[in-house]
Amino acid sequence: MIRFDKFWKIVTSPDGSFVAAFFRDNTIRFLDIRKNRTCIIGGLSEFIEIVSISSDGRFLAAGSCNGNIYLWETSGRLIDKWP
């Protein structure tokens, strides 16, 4: 159950099939509505300010307050981090 006083922002994919919420505890929760599947991405040491979902729902990109950019598969596997 998601407590709505604990999350910072919520975004959806262009077709509305995927939802990502990022929380004040530096976790991101991704929901695939079509498959009723949830993935929690945690362990981030910095505050996430922006999240975007690819149109096909396969990737999740996030930008932090420290200027880092992360790219994950929506299964939770980190693909890359910049800089």
Protein backbone atom coordinates (compact mmCIF):
# COMPACT_ATOMS: atom_id res chain seq x y z
CA MET A 1 0.00 0.00 0.00
CA ILE A 2 1.36 3.41 -0.96
CA ARG A 3 1.06 6.22 1.57
CA PHE A 4 0.44 9.35 -0.43
CA ASP A 5 2.18 11.62 2.09
CA LYS A 6 5.47 9.79 1.43
CA PHE A 7 5.99 10.24 -2.30
CA TRP A 8 7.44 13.22 -4.09
CA LYS A 9 6.05 12.88 -7.59
CA ILE A 10 4.29 10.46 -9.89
CA VAL A 11 4.65 10.10 -13.67
CA THR A 12 2.99 7.93 -16.31
CA SER A 13 4.09 6.58 -19.66
CA PRO A 14 2.61 8.25 -22.75
CA ASP A 15 -0.02 5.52 -23.14
CA GLY A 16 -0.86 5.33 -19.42
CA SER A 17 0.16 1.67 -19.07
CA PHE A 18 3.10 2.36 -16.75
CA VAL A 19 3.38 4.47 -13.61
CA ALA A 20 6.47 5.49 -11.64
CA ALA A 21 6.45 7.23 -8.28
CA PHE A 22 9.50 8.53 -6.53
CA PHE A 23 9.48 8.73 -2.79
CA ARG A 24 11.05 10.88 -0.12
CA ASP A 25 13.11 7.87 1.04
CA ASN A 26 14.99 7.91 -2.33
CA THR A 27 13.20 4.89 -3.80
CA ILE A 28 11.39 4.65 -7.10
CA ARG A 29 8.41 2.33 -7.50
CA PHE A 30 7.44 1.26 -11.00
CA LEU A 31 4.08 -0.30 -11.83
CA ASP A 32 3.24 -2.09 -15.05
CA ILE A 33 -0.54 -1.77 -15.03
CA ARG A 34 -1.09 -4.26 -17.88
CA LYS A 35 0.84 -7.04 -16.11
CA ASN A 36 0.04 -5.92 -12.55
CA ARG A 37 3.79 -6.02 -11.80
CA THR A 38 5.66 -3.75 -9.37
CA CYS A 39 9.38 -3.08 -9.11
CA ILE A 40 11.06 -1.10 -6.34
CA ILE A 41 14.37 0.59 -7.10
CA GLY A 42 16.15 1.52 -3.90
CA GLY A 43 19.55 2.16 -2.44
CA LEU A 44 19.93 5.58 -4.02
CA SER A 45 22.15 7.91 -2.03
CA GLU A 46 20.78 11.07 -3.57
CA PHE A 47 17.40 12.71 -3.98
CA ILE A 48 15.72 12.02 -7.33
CA GLU A 49 14.11 15.09 -8.88
CA ILE A 50 12.76 13.81 -12.20
CA VAL A 51 11.73 10.45 -13.66
CA SER A 52 10.65 9.50 -17.17
CA ILE A 53 9.38 6.23 -18.62
CA SER A 54 10.11 5.14 -22.19
CA SER A 55 7.08 4.86 -24.45
CA ASP A 56 7.39 1.06 -24.58
CA GLY A 57 7.72 0.77 -20.78
CA ARG A 58 11.12 -0.97 -20.97
CA PHE A 59 13.27 1.80 -19.50
CA LEU A 60 13.16 4.27 -16.67
CA ALA A 61 15.41 7.35 -16.58
CA ALA A 62 15.95 9.51 -13.51
CA GLY A 63 17.84 12.68 -12.71
CA SER A 64 19.15 13.51 -9.25
CA CYS A 65 19.67 16.77 -7.40
CA ASN A 66 23.44 16.14 -7.72
CA GLY A 67 23.27 16.20 -11.52
CA ASN A 68 23.53 12.44 -12.03
CA ILE A 69 21.38 10.64 -14.58
CA TYR A 70 20.40 6.98 -14.13
CA LEU A 71 18.98 4.54 -16.66
CA TRP A 72 17.29 1.33 -15.54
CA GLU A 73 15.40 -1.46 -17.17
CA THR A 74 11.97 -1.49 -15.59
CA SER A 75 12.87 -4.86 -14.10
CA GLY A 76 15.12 -2.85 -11.76
CA ARG A 77 18.49 -3.56 -13.37
CA LEU A 78 20.70 -0.47 -13.55
CA ILE A 79 22.01 -0.04 -17.09
CA ASP A 80 24.14 3.08 -16.65
CA LYS A 81 24.80 6.18 -14.58
CA TRP A 82 26.19 9.49 -15.84
CA PRO A 83 28.52 11.35 -15.24
